Amino acid sequence: MVALNAETMGEDEVMTLLQKALFEFPVLRIDVQLPKWLQAFPEENAFVAAALGAVKNAVTNITRMRDCFDLEKLFDDEADYCNPDEIRMDLGTGCAEITIGAKEGLFYRVLGEACGEEIGDDLALMQYLQSVSSIKKKFEMVKDALECAEENGYGIVYPSEDEYSLEKPELVKKGAGYGVKFKATASGYHIVKVNVTGAISPIIGTKEQSEEFVADTLRAYEDGQEKVWETNIFGKSLRALVGDELSGKSNAMPIELRKKMRRTITRIVNDGKNNLICILF
């Protein structure tokens, strides 16, 4: 309620009255602007959820436009975010907008958790970016080969031009004439997808106990494989036991046999033969 003398009221008083009236209008929408770097994460991210959760809790008590000023104390008890610098309101449309700022150190904490590395300052960030850039360049070399191996079982990383090594040219006789032989070497990578099969057969006890265990496992299997993977067998999960078996088989090929396989593939590539007879000892 505002008491005014309508006969003596001037323009300023009319504008003040209208503004106060508009502040009593209902709030239709509140827009929240997060720091740009935080917008790269989904709403499920813990830090994003914390900021939005604080806003959602606060807006439950905001019904009129003048209530939006309560958002100035939105993060009084929050260690990671700053209170909004201003509350921007469009009284004609019932919309308000706030910008949330992050306190010092939050950027590096969020980045560190996302990367799985401890990043505490600009120096650590630049060192991390340099290492990631180096890894990315190496991965780009093998990415297509890995995708091909995933799809077809076999992928090739072709040598780049800076890896070519030219041997000394030599004179060669070709029929009635002579020519010059240029020979170059370079290293490529051949990626083979190998399906490894592993099995474990733990001794459960009597036949009746084993049958009961199998029945329980089959029921769990019908509900989803994840439950079976977490089955505890002698203090270890089935996933861990199978992982040990598969890792053991993957490492079972002796070094000498690996060298022979490499020499065999090298001959196939260089000789250009379509047929292969391979005897490994």
C-alpha atoms as a PDB file:
ATOM      1  CA  MET A   1       0.000   0.000   0.000  1.00  0.00           C
ATOM      2  CA  VAL A   2       1.391   3.401  -1.052  1.00  0.00           C
ATOM      3  CA  ALA A   3      -0.245   6.600   0.170  1.00  0.00           C
ATOM      4  CA  LEU A   4       0.064   9.506  -2.291  1.00  0.00           C
ATOM      5  CA  ASN A   5      -1.746  12.759  -2.943  1.00  0.00           C
ATOM      6  CA  ALA A   6      -3.034  12.399  -6.483  1.00  0.00           C
ATOM      7  CA  GLU A   7      -3.610  16.171  -6.795  1.00  0.00           C
ATOM      8  CA  THR A   8       0.024  17.115  -6.050  1.00  0.00           C
ATOM      9  CA  MET A   9       1.719  14.004  -7.478  1.00  0.00           C
ATOM     10  CA  GLY A  10       4.480  14.722 -10.025  1.00  0.00           C
ATOM     11  CA  GLU A  11       6.052  12.627 -12.794  1.00  0.00           C
ATOM     12  CA  ASP A  12       8.734  11.157 -10.533  1.00  0.00           C
ATOM     13  CA  GLU A  13       6.195  10.008  -8.008  1.00  0.00           C
ATOM     14  CA  VAL A  14       4.071   8.432 -10.752  1.00  0.00           C
ATOM     15  CA  MET A  15       7.069   6.526 -12.074  1.00  0.00           C
ATOM     16  CA  THR A  16       7.980   5.370  -8.555  1.00  0.00           C
ATOM     17  CA  LEU A  17       4.419   4.177  -8.022  1.00  0.00           C
ATOM     18  CA  LEU A  18       4.382   2.265 -11.320  1.00  0.00           C
ATOM     19  CA  GLN A  19       7.734   0.680 -10.539  1.00  0.00           C
ATOM     20  CA  LYS A  20       6.535  -0.487  -7.142  1.00  0.00           C
ATOM     21  CA  ALA A  21       3.419  -1.881  -8.778  1.00  0.00           C
ATOM     22  CA  LEU A  22       5.492  -3.784 -11.328  1.00  0.00           C
ATOM     23  CA  PHE A  23       7.611  -5.281  -8.550  1.00  0.00           C
ATOM     24  CA  GLU A  24       4.418  -6.918  -7.267  1.00  0.00           C
ATOM     25  CA  PHE A  25       3.901  -8.759 -10.567  1.00  0.00           C
ATOM     26  CA  PRO A  26       4.518 -12.529 -10.567  1.00  0.00           C
ATOM     27  CA  VAL A  27       7.843 -14.012 -11.643  1.00  0.00           C
ATOM     28  CA  LEU A  28       7.441 -16.074 -14.813  1.00  0.00           C
ATOM     29  CA  ARG A  29      11.046 -17.080 -15.483  1.00  0.00           C
ATOM     30  CA  ILE A  30      14.512 -16.888 -13.944  1.00  0.00           C
ATOM     31  CA  ASP A  31      17.467 -17.430 -16.273  1.00  0.00           C
ATOM     32  CA  VAL A  32      20.736 -18.617 -14.754  1.00  0.00           C
ATOM     33  CA  GLN A  33      24.058 -18.056 -16.496  1.00  0.00           C
ATOM     34  CA  LEU A  34      26.820 -20.405 -15.340  1.00  0.00           C
ATOM     35  CA  PRO A  35      30.522 -19.697 -15.990  1.00  0.00           C
ATOM     36  CA  LYS A  36      31.208 -20.545 -19.638  1.00  0.00           C
ATOM     37  CA  TRP A  37      33.765 -23.222 -18.815  1.00  0.00           C
ATOM     38  CA  LEU A  38      31.250 -24.931 -16.503  1.00  0.00           C
ATOM     39  CA  GLN A  39      28.670 -25.046 -19.302  1.00  0.00           C
ATOM     40  CA  ALA A  40      30.805 -27.706 -20.978  1.00  0.00           C
ATOM     41  CA  PHE A  41      29.672 -30.229 -18.347  1.00  0.00           C
ATOM     42  CA  PRO A  42      26.266 -31.946 -18.172  1.00  0.00           C
ATOM     43  CA  GLU A  43      23.724 -31.142 -15.485  1.00  0.00           C
ATOM     44  CA  GLU A  44      24.628 -34.421 -13.770  1.00  0.00           C
ATOM     45  CA  ASN A  45      28.100 -33.073 -12.956  1.00  0.00           C
ATOM     46  CA  ALA A  46      28.416 -32.592  -9.185  1.00  0.00           C
ATOM     47  CA  PHE A  47      29.558 -28.956  -9.429  1.00  0.00           C
ATOM     48  CA  VAL A  48      26.885 -27.990 -11.956  1.00  0.00           C
ATOM     49  CA  ALA A  49      24.239 -29.788  -9.905  1.00  0.00           C
ATOM     50  CA  ALA A  50      25.352 -27.931  -6.755  1.00  0.00           C
ATOM     51  CA  ALA A  51      24.948 -24.524  -8.423  1.00  0.00           C
ATOM     52  CA  LEU A  52      21.595 -25.323 -10.006  1.00  0.00           C
ATOM     53  CA  GLY A  53      20.387 -27.022  -6.835  1.00  0.00           C
ATOM     54  CA  ALA A  54      21.059 -23.877  -4.800  1.00  0.00           C
ATOM     55  CA  VAL A  55      19.061 -21.826  -7.313  1.00  0.00           C
ATOM     56  CA  LYS A  56      16.164 -24.304  -7.297  1.00  0.00           C
ATOM     57  CA  ASN A  57      15.998 -24.217  -3.500  1.00  0.00           C
ATOM     58  CA  ALA A  58      16.033 -20.425  -3.466  1.00  0.00           C
ATOM     59  CA  VAL A  59      13.323 -19.892  -6.103  1.00  0.00           C
ATOM     60  CA  THR A  60      10.756 -21.892  -4.117  1.00  0.00           C
ATOM     61  CA  ASN A  61      10.203 -18.735  -2.022  1.00  0.00           C
ATOM     62  CA  ILE A  62      10.231 -16.329  -4.972  1.00  0.00           C
ATOM     63  CA  THR A  63       6.789 -15.493  -6.310  1.00  0.00           C
ATOM     64  CA  ARG A  64       6.882 -11.738  -7.033  1.00  0.00           C
ATOM     65  CA  MET A  65       9.466  -9.710  -8.885  1.00  0.00           C
ATOM     66  CA  ARG A  66      10.620  -7.925  -5.723  1.00  0.00           C
ATOM     67  CA  ASP A  67      11.447 -11.316  -4.207  1.00  0.00           C
ATOM     68  CA  CYS A  68      14.220 -11.701  -6.790  1.00  0.00           C
ATOM     69  CA  PHE A  69      16.426  -9.423  -4.682  1.00  0.00           C
ATOM     70  CA  ASP A  70      16.757 -12.342  -2.262  1.00  0.00           C
ATOM     71  CA  LEU A  71      19.024 -13.964  -4.871  1.00  0.00           C
ATOM     72  CA  GLU A  72      21.718 -11.433  -3.961  1.00  0.00           C
ATOM     73  CA  LYS A  73      22.494 -13.692  -0.960  1.00  0.00           C
ATOM     74  CA  LEU A  74      22.136 -16.930  -2.900  1.00  0.00           C
ATOM     75  CA  PHE A  75      25.604 -18.287  -2.089  1.00  0.00           C
ATOM     76  CA  ASP A  76      26.282 -16.764   1.328  1.00  0.00           C
ATOM     77  CA  ASP A  77      27.077 -20.218   2.748  1.00  0.00           C
ATOM     78  CA  GLU A  78      28.566 -21.704  -0.417  1.00  0.00           C
ATOM     79  CA  ALA A  79      32.340 -22.223  -0.644  1.00  0.00           C
ATOM     80  CA  ASP A  80      32.560 -22.624  -4.413  1.00  0.00           C
ATOM     81  CA  TYR A  81      30.373 -19.873  -5.889  1.00  0.00           C
ATOM     82  CA  CYS A  82      29.987 -16.113  -5.534  1.00  0.00           C
ATOM     83  CA  ASN A  83      26.730 -14.226  -5.037  1.00  0.00           C
ATOM     84  CA  PRO A  84      25.370 -12.644  -8.236  1.00  0.00           C
ATOM     85  CA  ASP A  85      26.754  -9.169  -8.899  1.00  0.00           C
ATOM     86  CA  GLU A  86      23.342  -7.955 -10.013  1.00  0.00           C
ATOM     87  CA  ILE A  87      19.797  -9.158 -10.549  1.00  0.00           C
ATOM     88  CA  ARG A  88      18.684  -8.185 -14.036  1.00  0.00           C
ATOM     89  CA  MET A  89      14.891  -7.918 -14.218  1.00  0.00           C
ATOM     90  CA  ASP A  90      12.483  -7.194 -17.042  1.00  0.00           C
ATOM     91  CA  LEU A  91       9.438  -6.077 -15.075  1.00  0.00           C
ATOM     92  CA  GLY A  92       7.262  -5.947 -18.178  1.00  0.00           C
ATOM     93  CA  THR A  93       7.716  -9.652 -18.988  1.00  0.00           C
ATOM     94  CA  GLY A  94       8.226 -11.055 -15.476  1.00  0.00           C
ATOM     95  CA  CYS A  95      11.700 -12.396 -16.300  1.00  0.00           C
ATOM     96  CA  ALA A  96      14.867 -12.200 -14.196  1.00  0.00           C
ATOM     97  CA  GLU A  97      18.434 -13.188 -14.959  1.00  0.00           C
ATOM     98  CA  ILE A  98      21.459 -13.831 -12.751  1.00  0.00           C
ATOM     99  CA  THR A  99      25.060 -14.719 -13.538  1.00  0.00           C
ATOM    100  CA  ILE A 100      26.829 -17.141 -11.235  1.00  0.00           C
ATOM    101  CA  GLY A 101      30.531 -16.627 -10.640  1.00  0.00           C
ATOM    102  CA  ALA A 102      33.006 -19.250  -9.450  1.00  0.00           C
ATOM    103  CA  LYS A 103      35.387 -18.616  -6.574  1.00  0.00           C
ATOM    104  CA  GLU A 104      39.131 -18.881  -7.041  1.00  0.00           C
ATOM    105  CA  GLY A 105      40.391 -22.442  -7.354  1.00  0.00           C
ATOM    106  CA  LEU A 106      37.124 -24.052  -8.466  1.00  0.00           C
ATOM    107  CA  PHE A 107      38.157 -24.077 -12.121  1.00  0.00           C
ATOM    108  CA  TYR A 108      41.244 -26.158 -11.378  1.00  0.00           C
ATOM    109  CA  ARG A 109      39.370 -28.514  -9.054  1.00  0.00           C
ATOM    110  CA  VAL A 110      36.705 -29.236 -11.663  1.00  0.00           C
ATOM    111  CA  LEU A 111      39.290 -29.584 -14.417  1.00  0.00           C
ATOM    112  CA  GLY A 112      41.423 -31.886 -12.286  1.00  0.00           C
ATOM    113  CA  GLU A 113      38.512 -34.190 -11.501  1.00  0.00           C
ATOM    114  CA  ALA A 114      37.432 -34.276 -15.143  1.00  0.00           C
ATOM    115  CA  CYS A 115      40.966 -35.149 -16.312  1.00  0.00           C
ATOM    116  CA  GLY A 116      41.853 -37.473 -13.457  1.00  0.00           C
ATOM    117  CA  GLU A 117      44.943 -35.360 -12.753  1.00  0.00           C
ATOM    118  CA  GLU A 118      45.934 -32.903 -10.043  1.00  0.00           C
ATOM    119  CA  ILE A 119      45.917 -29.460 -11.646  1.00  0.00           C
ATOM    120  CA  GLY A 120      46.451 -26.654  -9.172  1.00  0.00           C
ATOM    121  CA  ASP A 121      47.537 -23.611 -11.167  1.00  0.00           C
ATOM    122  CA  ASP A 122      48.335 -22.206 -14.617  1.00  0.00           C
ATOM    123  CA  LEU A 123      51.732 -23.919 -14.723  1.00  0.00           C
ATOM    124  CA  ALA A 124      50.246 -27.359 -14.023  1.00  0.00           C
ATOM    125  CA  LEU A 125      47.530 -26.676 -16.601  1.00  0.00           C
ATOM    126  CA  MET A 126      50.042 -25.807 -19.341  1.00  0.00           C
ATOM    127  CA  GLN A 127      52.167 -28.859 -18.522  1.00  0.00           C
ATOM    128  CA  TYR A 128      49.081 -31.059 -18.720  1.00  0.00           C
ATOM    129  CA  LEU A 129      47.992 -29.537 -22.041  1.00  0.00           C
ATOM    130  CA  GLN A 130      51.443 -30.137 -23.526  1.00  0.00           C
ATOM    131  CA  SER A 131      51.390 -33.786 -22.482  1.00  0.00           C
ATOM    132  CA  VAL A 132      47.854 -34.252 -23.819  1.00  0.00           C
ATOM    133  CA  SER A 133      48.821 -32.599 -27.108  1.00  0.00           C
ATOM    134  CA  SER A 134      51.717 -35.030 -27.516  1.00  0.00           C
ATOM    135  CA  ILE A 135      49.493 -38.014 -26.749  1.00  0.00           C
ATOM    136  CA  LYS A 136      46.808 -36.741 -29.135  1.00  0.00           C
ATOM    137  CA  LYS A 137      49.292 -36.517 -32.008  1.00  0.00           C
ATOM    138  CA  LYS A 138      50.373 -40.107 -31.414  1.00  0.00           C
ATOM    139  CA  PHE A 139      46.785 -41.302 -31.148  1.00  0.00           C
ATOM    140  CA  GLU A 140      45.858 -39.590 -34.420  1.00  0.00           C
ATOM    141  CA  MET A 141      48.446 -41.814 -36.102  1.00  0.00           C
ATOM    142  CA  VAL A 142      46.777 -45.035 -34.970  1.00  0.00           C
ATOM    143  CA  LYS A 143      43.122 -43.970 -34.674  1.00  0.00           C
ATOM    144  CA  ASP A 144      42.061 -45.104 -38.151  1.00  0.00           C
ATOM    145  CA  ALA A 145      43.946 -48.390 -37.791  1.00  0.00           C
ATOM    146  CA  LEU A 146      42.277 -49.110 -34.450  1.00  0.00           C
ATOM    147  CA  GLU A 147      38.846 -48.380 -35.921  1.00  0.00           C
ATOM    148  CA  CYS A 148      39.613 -50.658 -38.883  1.00  0.00           C
ATOM    149  CA  ALA A 149      40.827 -53.410 -36.542  1.00  0.00           C
ATOM    150  CA  GLU A 150      37.670 -53.066 -34.482  1.00  0.00           C
ATOM    151  CA  GLU A 151      35.494 -53.428 -37.574  1.00  0.00           C
ATOM    152  CA  ASN A 152      37.474 -55.864 -39.730  1.00  0.00           C
ATOM    153  CA  GLY A 153      39.930 -57.438 -37.310  1.00  0.00           C
ATOM    154  CA  TYR A 154      43.020 -55.924 -38.969  1.00  0.00           C
ATOM    155  CA  GLY A 155      44.288 -52.365 -39.165  1.00  0.00           C
ATOM    156  CA  ILE A 156      47.425 -50.758 -40.600  1.00  0.00           C
ATOM    157  CA  VAL A 157      49.279 -47.624 -39.507  1.00  0.00           C
ATOM    158  CA  TYR A 158      51.069 -46.421 -42.621  1.00  0.00           C
ATOM    159  CA  PRO A 159      54.488 -44.770 -42.300  1.00  0.00           C
ATOM    160  CA  SER A 160      54.620 -41.002 -42.643  1.00  0.00           C
ATOM    161  CA  GLU A 161      56.908 -39.231 -45.130  1.00  0.00           C
ATOM    162  CA  ASP A 162      59.307 -38.011 -42.448  1.00  0.00           C
ATOM    163  CA  GLU A 163      59.949 -41.643 -41.519  1.00  0.00           C
ATOM    164  CA  TYR A 164      61.172 -42.643 -44.973  1.00  0.00           C
ATOM    165  CA  SER A 165      64.825 -43.674 -45.047  1.00  0.00           C
ATOM    166  CA  LEU A 166      66.494 -43.678 -48.467  1.00  0.00           C
ATOM    167  CA  GLU A 167      69.389 -46.043 -49.083  1.00  0.00           C
ATOM    168  CA  LYS A 168      72.310 -45.225 -51.347  1.00  0.00           C
ATOM    169  CA  PRO A 169      71.229 -45.395 -55.048  1.00  0.00           C
ATOM    170  CA  GLU A 170      72.874 -48.152 -57.051  1.00  0.00           C
ATOM    171  CA  LEU A 171      73.327 -48.994 -60.700  1.00  0.00           C
ATOM    172  CA  VAL A 172      71.407 -52.038 -61.907  1.00  0.00           C
ATOM    173  CA  LYS A 173      71.289 -53.870 -65.228  1.00  0.00           C
ATOM    174  CA  LYS A 174      67.840 -54.384 -66.708  1.00  0.00           C
ATOM    175  CA  GLY A 175      67.860 -56.483 -69.826  1.00  0.00           C
ATOM    176  CA  ALA A 176      69.910 -54.715 -72.455  1.00  0.00           C
ATOM    177  CA  GLY A 177      69.987 -51.451 -70.548  1.00  0.00           C
ATOM    178  CA  TYR A 178      70.896 -50.027 -67.185  1.00  0.00           C
ATOM    179  CA  GLY A 179      68.949 -48.191 -64.576  1.00  0.00           C
ATOM    180  CA  VAL A 180      69.236 -46.754 -61.089  1.00  0.00           C
ATOM    181  CA  LYS A 181      67.696 -48.514 -58.109  1.00  0.00           C
ATOM    182  CA  PHE A 182      66.245 -46.371 -55.333  1.00  0.00           C
ATOM    183  CA  LYS A 183      65.398 -48.319 -52.190  1.00  0.00           C
ATOM    184  CA  ALA A 184      63.639 -46.890 -49.157  1.00  0.00           C
ATOM    185  CA  THR A 185      62.539 -48.345 -45.850  1.00  0.00           C
ATOM    186  CA  ALA A 186      60.002 -47.202 -43.292  1.00  0.00           C
ATOM    187  CA  SER A 187      58.244 -48.730 -40.309  1.00  0.00           C
ATOM    188  CA  GLY A 188      54.512 -49.306 -40.163  1.00  0.00           C
ATOM    189  CA  TYR A 189      52.293 -50.945 -37.585  1.00  0.00           C
ATOM    190  CA  HIS A 190      49.896 -53.826 -38.158  1.00  0.00           C
ATOM    191  CA  ILE A 191      47.181 -54.070 -35.530  1.00  0.00           C
ATOM    192  CA  VAL A 192      45.444 -57.425 -35.217  1.00  0.00           C
ATOM    193  CA  LYS A 193      42.289 -57.909 -33.216  1.00  0.00           C
ATOM    194  CA  VAL A 194      42.527 -61.249 -31.380  1.00  0.00           C
ATOM    195  CA  ASN A 195      39.580 -62.776 -29.576  1.00  0.00           C
ATOM    196  CA  VAL A 196      40.850 -64.273 -26.334  1.00  0.00           C
ATOM    197  CA  THR A 197      38.738 -66.933 -24.628  1.00  0.00           C
ATOM    198  CA  GLY A 198      39.082 -67.652 -20.951  1.00  0.00           C
ATOM    199  CA  ALA A 199      37.211 -69.955 -18.603  1.00  0.00           C
ATOM    200  CA  ILE A 200      37.336 -70.670 -14.894  1.00  0.00           C
ATOM    201  CA  SER A 201      35.820 -73.684 -13.158  1.00  0.00           C
ATOM    202  CA  PRO A 202      35.877 -73.151  -9.391  1.00  0.00           C
ATOM    203  CA  ILE A 203      35.138 -76.171  -7.183  1.00  0.00           C
ATOM    204  CA  ILE A 204      32.050 -75.205  -5.192  1.00  0.00           C
ATOM    205  CA  GLY A 205      31.586 -78.388  -3.160  1.00  0.00           C
ATOM    206  CA  THR A 206      29.184 -81.276  -3.552  1.00  0.00           C
ATOM    207  CA  LYS A 207      27.077 -81.908  -6.642  1.00  0.00           C
ATOM    208  CA  GLU A 208      23.993 -80.538  -4.882  1.00  0.00           C
ATOM    209  CA  GLN A 209      25.821 -77.372  -3.831  1.00  0.00           C
ATOM    210  CA  SER A 210      27.147 -76.846  -7.361  1.00  0.00           C
ATOM    211  CA  GLU A 211      23.680 -77.368  -8.881  1.00  0.00           C
ATOM    212  CA  GLU A 212      22.212 -74.839  -6.471  1.00  0.00           C
ATOM    213  CA  PHE A 213      25.000 -72.361  -7.271  1.00  0.00           C
ATOM    214  CA  VAL A 214      24.419 -72.774 -11.031  1.00  0.00           C
ATOM    215  CA  ALA A 215      20.663 -72.289 -10.607  1.00  0.00           C
ATOM    216  CA  ASP A 216      21.192 -69.061  -8.632  1.00  0.00           C
ATOM    217  CA  THR A 217      23.700 -67.838 -11.209  1.00  0.00           C
ATOM    218  CA  LEU A 218      21.340 -68.547 -14.133  1.00  0.00           C
ATOM    219  CA  ARG A 219      18.552 -66.608 -12.425  1.00  0.00           C
ATOM    220  CA  ALA A 220      20.919 -63.674 -11.946  1.00  0.00           C
ATOM    221  CA  TYR A 221      22.049 -63.995 -15.585  1.00  0.00           C
ATOM    222  CA  GLU A 222      18.454 -63.573 -16.764  1.00  0.00           C
ATOM    223  CA  ASP A 223      18.284 -60.242 -14.911  1.00  0.00           C
ATOM    224  CA  GLY A 224      21.507 -58.982 -16.477  1.00  0.00           C
ATOM    225  CA  GLN A 225      25.140 -59.996 -16.800  1.00  0.00           C
ATOM    226  CA  GLU A 226      26.331 -57.304 -14.400  1.00  0.00           C
ATOM    227  CA  LYS A 227      24.991 -59.222 -11.395  1.00  0.00           C
ATOM    228  CA  VAL A 228      26.864 -62.336 -12.490  1.00  0.00           C
ATOM    229  CA  TRP A 229      30.088 -60.398 -13.007  1.00  0.00           C
ATOM    230  CA  GLU A 230      29.967 -59.259  -9.389  1.00  0.00           C
ATOM    231  CA  THR A 231      29.498 -62.802  -8.046  1.00  0.00           C
ATOM    232  CA  ASN A 232      31.903 -63.365  -5.170  1.00  0.00           C
ATOM    233  CA  ILE A 233      34.025 -66.480  -5.604  1.00  0.00           C
ATOM    234  CA  PHE A 234      36.643 -67.157  -2.937  1.00  0.00           C
ATOM    235  CA  GLY A 235      36.918 -63.472  -2.053  1.00  0.00           C
ATOM    236  CA  LYS A 236      37.214 -62.157  -5.625  1.00  0.00           C
ATOM    237  CA  SER A 237      34.584 -61.100  -8.135  1.00  0.00           C
ATOM    238  CA  LEU A 238      33.971 -63.213 -11.225  1.00  0.00           C
ATOM    239  CA  ARG A 239      35.056 -60.210 -13.315  1.00  0.00           C
ATOM    240  CA  ALA A 240      38.440 -60.142 -11.561  1.00  0.00           C
ATOM    241  CA  LEU A 241      38.965 -63.898 -11.908  1.00  0.00           C
ATOM    242  CA  VAL A 242      38.106 -63.897 -15.618  1.00  0.00           C
ATOM    243  CA  GLY A 243      40.258 -60.798 -16.101  1.00  0.00           C
ATOM    244  CA  ASP A 244      43.250 -62.626 -14.612  1.00  0.00           C
ATOM    245  CA  GLU A 245      42.637 -65.562 -16.956  1.00  0.00           C
ATOM    246  CA  LEU A 246      42.318 -63.403 -20.088  1.00  0.00           C
ATOM    247  CA  SER A 247      45.356 -61.295 -19.186  1.00  0.00           C
ATOM    248  CA  GLY A 248      47.388 -64.435 -18.611  1.00  0.00           C
ATOM    249  CA  LYS A 249      46.470 -65.822 -22.021  1.00  0.00           C
ATOM    250  CA  SER A 250      47.175 -62.508 -23.723  1.00  0.00           C
ATOM    251  CA  ASN A 251      50.696 -62.509 -22.288  1.00  0.00           C
ATOM    252  CA  ALA A 252      51.305 -66.198 -22.900  1.00  0.00           C
ATOM    253  CA  MET A 253      52.925 -65.819 -26.329  1.00  0.00           C
ATOM    254  CA  PRO A 254      56.724 -66.016 -25.832  1.00  0.00           C
ATOM    255  CA  ILE A 255      58.926 -63.147 -26.998  1.00  0.00           C
ATOM    256  CA  GLU A 256      60.666 -65.332 -29.561  1.00  0.00           C
ATOM    257  CA  LEU A 257      57.350 -66.363 -31.089  1.00  0.00           C
ATOM    258  CA  ARG A 258      56.292 -62.714 -31.309  1.00  0.00           C
ATOM    259  CA  LYS A 259      59.502 -61.952 -33.187  1.00  0.00           C
ATOM    260  CA  LYS A 260      58.799 -64.794 -35.620  1.00  0.00           C
ATOM    261  CA  MET A 261      55.278 -63.510 -36.209  1.00  0.00           C
ATOM    262  CA  ARG A 262      56.706 -60.063 -36.941  1.00  0.00           C
ATOM    263  CA  ARG A 263      59.212 -61.475 -39.431  1.00  0.00           C
ATOM    264  CA  THR A 264      56.441 -63.474 -41.104  1.00  0.00           C
ATOM    265  CA  ILE A 265      54.195 -60.437 -41.559  1.00  0.00           C
ATOM    266  CA  THR A 266      57.178 -58.420 -42.809  1.00  0.00           C
ATOM    267  CA  ARG A 267      57.856 -61.020 -45.525  1.00  0.00           C
ATOM    268  CA  ILE A 268      54.204 -61.122 -46.551  1.00  0.00           C
ATOM    269  CA  VAL A 269      54.119 -57.326 -46.909  1.00  0.00           C
ATOM    270  CA  ASN A 270      57.404 -57.024 -48.801  1.00  0.00           C
ATOM    271  CA  ASP A 271      57.097 -60.097 -51.022  1.00  0.00           C
ATOM    272  CA  GLY A 272      53.520 -59.308 -51.981  1.00  0.00           C
ATOM    273  CA  LYS A 273      52.406 -62.922 -51.907  1.00  0.00           C
ATOM    274  CA  ASN A 274      48.708 -63.692 -51.850  1.00  0.00           C
ATOM    275  CA  ASN A 275      49.165 -67.180 -50.445  1.00  0.00           C
ATOM    276  CA  LEU A 276      50.815 -68.033 -47.155  1.00  0.00           C
ATOM    277  CA  ILE A 277      52.258 -71.213 -45.697  1.00  0.00           C
ATOM    278  CA  CYS A 278      53.545 -70.475 -42.218  1.00  0.00           C
ATOM    279  CA  ILE A 279      55.386 -72.985 -39.998  1.00  0.00           C
ATOM    280  CA  LEU A 280      56.434 -71.590 -36.604  1.00  0.00           C
ATOM    281  CA  PHE A 281      58.782 -73.559 -34.335  1.00  0.00           C
END
